[in-house]
Protein backbone atom coordinates (compact mmCIF):
# COMPACT_ATOMS: atom_id res chain seq x y z
CA MET A 1 85.06 104.08 104.30
CA ALA A 2 86.03 103.88 107.98
CA VAL A 3 83.53 102.75 110.59
CA SER A 4 84.10 104.28 113.90
CA GLY A 5 83.57 101.83 116.99
CA VAL A 6 80.39 102.09 119.10
CA SER A 7 81.40 101.88 122.77
CA GLY A 8 79.55 100.44 125.60
CA ASN A 9 79.35 104.07 127.12
CA SER A 10 77.21 105.30 124.23
CA THR A 11 74.98 102.28 124.31
CA SER A 12 74.33 103.02 128.22
CA GLN A 13 73.53 106.63 127.27
CA MET A 14 70.97 105.38 124.84
CA ALA A 15 69.43 103.28 127.36
CA SER A 16 69.43 106.09 129.88
CA SER A 17 67.79 108.55 127.28
CA ARG A 18 64.96 105.90 126.69
CA SER A 19 64.29 105.55 130.40
CA THR A 20 64.33 109.22 130.83
CA ILE A 21 61.77 109.94 128.10
CA ALA A 22 59.58 107.09 129.38
CA ASP A 23 59.59 108.62 132.96
CA ASN A 24 58.95 112.05 131.74
CA PHE A 25 55.97 110.70 129.32
CA ASP A 26 54.59 108.96 132.42
CA THR A 27 54.80 112.03 134.56
CA PHE A 28 53.21 114.05 131.83
CA LEU A 29 50.25 111.80 131.54
CA ASN A 30 49.90 111.76 135.35
CA ILE A 31 49.77 115.61 135.34
CA LEU A 32 47.48 115.85 132.44
CA THR A 33 44.75 113.48 134.06
CA THR A 34 45.13 115.46 137.19
CA GLN A 35 44.50 118.68 135.33
CA LEU A 36 41.51 117.27 133.54
CA LYS A 37 39.98 116.00 136.68
CA ASN A 38 40.45 119.41 138.49
CA GLN A 39 39.78 121.79 135.55
CA ASN A 40 37.37 124.71 135.83
CA PRO A 41 34.28 124.02 133.75
CA LEU A 42 34.03 127.58 133.24
CA ASP A 43 37.49 127.83 131.92
CA PRO A 44 38.42 124.65 130.44
CA LEU A 45 42.25 123.67 129.68
CA ASP A 46 43.42 124.26 126.19
CA THR A 47 43.49 120.84 124.48
CA ASN A 48 45.75 122.28 121.76
CA GLN A 49 48.56 122.53 124.26
CA PHE A 50 48.11 118.80 125.30
CA THR A 51 48.16 117.72 121.52
CA ALA A 52 51.38 119.69 120.88
CA GLN A 53 53.06 118.28 123.99
CA LEU A 54 51.95 114.72 122.89
CA VAL A 55 53.56 115.26 119.37
CA GLN A 56 56.69 116.43 121.06
CA PHE A 57 57.02 113.35 123.14
CA THR A 58 56.14 111.01 120.27
CA GLY A 59 58.85 112.91 118.13
CA VAL A 60 61.48 112.26 120.70
CA GLU A 61 60.71 108.70 121.03
CA GLN A 62 60.65 108.11 117.45
CA GLN A 63 64.19 109.90 117.18
CA LEU A 64 65.63 107.55 119.96
CA LYS A 65 64.30 104.56 118.12
CA THR A 66 65.95 105.76 114.89
CA ASN A 67 69.30 106.29 116.79
CA GLU A 68 68.86 102.60 118.04
CA PHE A 69 68.36 101.50 114.69
CA LEU A 70 71.37 103.29 113.31
CA GLU A 71 73.60 102.03 116.28
CA THR A 72 72.61 98.49 115.40
CA LEU A 73 73.42 99.12 111.68
CA MET A 74 76.74 100.49 112.39
CA LEU A 75 77.79 97.44 114.74
CA SER A 76 76.56 95.17 111.82
CA SER A 77 78.65 97.31 109.44
CA GLN A 78 81.78 97.11 111.78
CA ASN A 79 81.45 93.30 112.02
CA THR A 80 80.98 92.77 108.41
CA ALA A 81 84.18 95.09 107.60
CA LYS A 82 86.12 92.90 110.14
CA SER A 83 85.16 89.77 108.45
CA ASP A 84 86.00 90.99 105.24
CA ALA A 85 89.37 92.21 106.18
CA VAL A 86 90.05 88.79 107.79
CA SER A 87 89.42 86.99 104.56
CA TYR A 88 92.52 88.79 103.15
CA ILE A 89 94.82 86.66 105.28
CA GLY A 90 96.76 84.22 102.92
CA LYS A 91 95.75 86.12 99.84
CA GLU A 92 98.04 88.02 97.64
CA VAL A 93 97.16 91.68 97.21
CA THR A 94 98.29 94.52 95.14
CA SER A 95 98.50 98.04 96.90
CA SER A 96 99.53 101.40 95.76
CA GLY A 97 103.13 101.97 96.49
CA LYS A 98 106.72 101.36 95.42
CA THR A 99 108.07 99.16 98.18
CA GLY A 100 108.50 95.47 98.22
CA GLU A 101 110.21 92.84 100.57
CA LEU A 102 112.99 90.56 99.67
CA THR A 103 113.14 87.17 101.63
CA ASP A 104 115.16 84.18 101.33
CA ALA A 105 111.94 82.25 100.17
CA ASN A 106 110.59 84.83 97.72
CA ALA A 107 111.62 87.04 94.98
CA VAL A 108 110.29 90.74 94.92
CA PHE A 109 107.32 91.46 92.59
CA TRP A 110 106.10 94.75 91.64
CA ALA A 111 103.03 95.51 89.43
CA TYR A 112 103.33 98.56 87.01
CA SER A 113 101.00 100.11 84.31
CA ALA A 114 102.41 102.14 81.24
CA ALA A 115 100.24 104.63 79.69
CA ALA A 116 101.80 103.85 76.20
CA ASN A 117 104.41 102.06 74.74
CA ALA A 118 107.98 102.88 76.04
CA ALA A 119 110.71 102.44 73.61
CA ASN A 120 113.41 103.02 76.22
CA ALA A 121 112.30 102.55 79.91
CA THR A 122 114.76 102.34 83.09
CA VAL A 123 113.96 100.41 86.17
CA THR A 124 115.69 101.53 89.29
CA ILE A 125 115.59 99.56 92.55
CA LYS A 126 116.82 101.14 95.78
CA ASP A 127 117.29 99.72 99.22
CA ALA A 128 115.72 101.09 102.44
CA LYS A 129 118.80 103.62 102.57
CA GLY A 130 117.78 105.00 99.17
CA GLN A 131 121.09 103.51 97.52
CA VAL A 132 120.69 102.05 94.12
CA VAL A 133 121.28 98.38 93.94
CA TYR A 134 120.26 97.47 90.54
CA THR A 135 119.15 98.99 87.24
CA GLU A 136 117.74 97.69 83.97
CA THR A 137 116.94 99.21 80.68
CA GLY A 138 114.75 97.96 77.90
CA PRO A 139 111.50 98.54 76.15
CA LEU A 140 108.25 98.33 77.97
CA ALA A 141 104.79 97.60 76.28
CA ALA A 142 101.76 99.59 77.12
CA GLY A 143 99.35 98.37 79.94
CA PRO A 144 99.72 96.46 83.17
CA GLY A 145 102.55 93.98 83.77
CA THR A 146 104.91 92.77 86.63
CA PHE A 147 108.44 92.92 87.21
CA ARG A 148 110.32 90.42 89.05
CA TRP A 149 113.66 90.99 90.92
CA ASP A 150 115.44 88.00 92.37
CA GLY A 151 117.72 90.04 94.73
CA MET A 152 120.73 89.93 92.48
CA GLY A 153 122.38 93.50 92.40
CA SER A 154 124.02 94.93 89.28
CA ASP A 155 127.40 94.44 90.91
CA GLY A 156 126.66 90.77 90.70
CA ASN A 157 125.96 90.29 94.59
CA LEU A 158 123.02 88.84 96.11
CA LYS A 159 121.56 91.69 98.31
CA PRO A 160 120.18 91.07 101.85
CA ASN A 161 116.57 90.58 102.91
CA GLY A 162 114.73 93.75 103.38
CA VAL A 163 112.46 96.41 102.12
CA TYR A 164 113.42 97.89 98.66
CA SER A 165 111.61 100.44 96.49
CA ILE A 166 111.35 100.53 92.76
CA ASP A 167 111.02 103.49 90.17
CA ILE A 168 110.23 103.23 86.56
CA GLN A 169 111.03 105.82 84.06
CA GLY A 170 110.21 105.58 80.33
CA LYS A 171 110.15 107.59 76.96
CA ASP A 172 108.31 106.81 73.76
CA ALA A 173 109.84 106.45 70.40
CA ASN A 174 109.62 110.44 69.96
CA GLY A 175 111.34 111.05 73.38
CA GLN A 176 108.13 111.92 75.08
CA ILE A 177 107.84 110.95 78.72
CA VAL A 178 105.60 107.85 79.40
CA LYS A 179 103.47 107.97 82.52
CA ILE A 180 104.24 104.59 84.44
CA SER A 181 102.68 103.89 87.83
CA THR A 182 103.85 100.98 90.10
CA ALA A 183 102.31 98.97 92.95
CA SER A 184 103.36 96.57 95.53
CA ILE A 185 102.50 92.85 95.78
CA GLY A 186 102.71 90.55 98.70
CA ILE A 187 100.98 88.00 100.64
CA VAL A 188 98.81 89.19 103.73
CA THR A 189 99.70 87.39 106.97
CA ALA A 190 97.64 89.26 109.51
CA VAL A 191 95.36 92.12 110.14
CA ASP A 192 95.42 95.03 112.69
CA PHE A 193 92.07 96.43 113.79
CA THR A 194 93.44 98.98 116.34
CA GLY A 195 92.88 101.91 113.96
CA ASP A 196 89.96 103.42 112.10
CA VAL A 197 91.05 101.55 108.93
CA PRO A 198 92.04 97.87 109.12
CA LEU A 199 95.74 97.53 108.22
CA LEU A 200 96.96 94.42 106.52
CA THR A 201 100.49 93.12 107.29
CA VAL A 202 102.40 92.24 104.21
CA GLY A 203 105.91 91.02 105.29
CA THR A 204 107.07 93.62 107.41
CA ARG A 205 104.87 96.45 105.82
CA ARG A 206 101.46 97.62 107.07
CA VAL A 207 99.10 98.42 104.15
CA ALA A 208 95.78 100.22 104.75
CA ILE A 209 92.88 98.20 103.20
CA THR A 210 91.71 101.22 101.58
CA ASP A 211 95.19 101.24 99.45
CA VAL A 212 94.53 97.70 98.06
CA THR A 213 93.68 97.75 94.37
CA ASP A 214 93.61 93.90 93.72
CA VAL A 215 93.25 90.61 95.51
CA ARG A 216 94.06 87.11 94.27
CA ILE A 217 94.80 83.76 95.36
CA PRO A 218 98.76 83.05 95.22
CA ASP A 219 99.96 80.86 92.85
CA VAL A 220 101.60 78.16 94.81
CA THR A 221 102.08 75.66 92.01
CA ALA A 222 105.63 74.69 91.29
CA PRO A 223 106.96 73.00 88.35
CA PRO A 224 107.28 69.25 88.64
CA ASP A 225 110.69 67.83 89.12
CA PRO A 226 112.17 66.66 85.87
CA THR A 227 112.21 62.87 85.47
CA PRO A 228 115.79 61.48 85.34
CA GLU A 229 116.41 59.83 82.04
CA GLU A 230 116.87 56.25 82.11
CA PRO A 231 120.25 55.01 80.68
CA ALA A 232 119.89 53.13 77.56
CA PRO A 233 120.55 49.48 77.76
CA GLU A 234 123.95 48.40 76.90
CA GLU A 235 124.20 46.44 73.74
CA PRO A 236 125.79 42.96 74.13
CA GLU A 237 129.37 42.83 72.83
CA GLU A 238 129.95 40.60 69.74
CA ASP A 239 132.60 37.89 69.98
CA ALA A 240 135.54 38.58 68.20
CA ALA A 241 135.78 36.05 65.18
């Protein structure tokens, strides 16, 4: 849910309204006191009108206080939303979409979810120009999973860094189409607050925080380097008899 910013102009307008209603209320009390002092004893003023006017002033004052409370609540919600968005930096997020970014340091990961077992599924990866660079076929189990592409194309050549998209189509054993959804995975490096909704920077992509479906701490563990085997000790040669 987007929280619109509360500008300093609206705050000054609220303060001006409070000042105006206070001045009007003081003026009203002065007029009321003057009327009571100078009223005709044979034709006294109607006290019901005074009561109604007092109720009106009180209602307006309460409304201004309510608006002030809502203004404070909105500011608090806005600050909380910003703090929550900043906490995404350094986290691995899954967002709705089909695109992913290939870099020298990392392969591309996509998340998928199959509604049923797909006996025959085809994975198609395209570059930013819409050209097919990689395809793969095989069975796909039902439920969530991840697909990793190391950047190697079907032609055996390593593809350049950039944004790529994935499409997965599958059919079950009876030839019926299986619904398979995909999502993008990446690490957040920055947050942009210029819009109504915070935008997370994932590689070169901008992802609205409302499109994020999963957040996790990235797995930075790497397998230990294999310990080189020590050469076996040489056996002493026997002297020839």
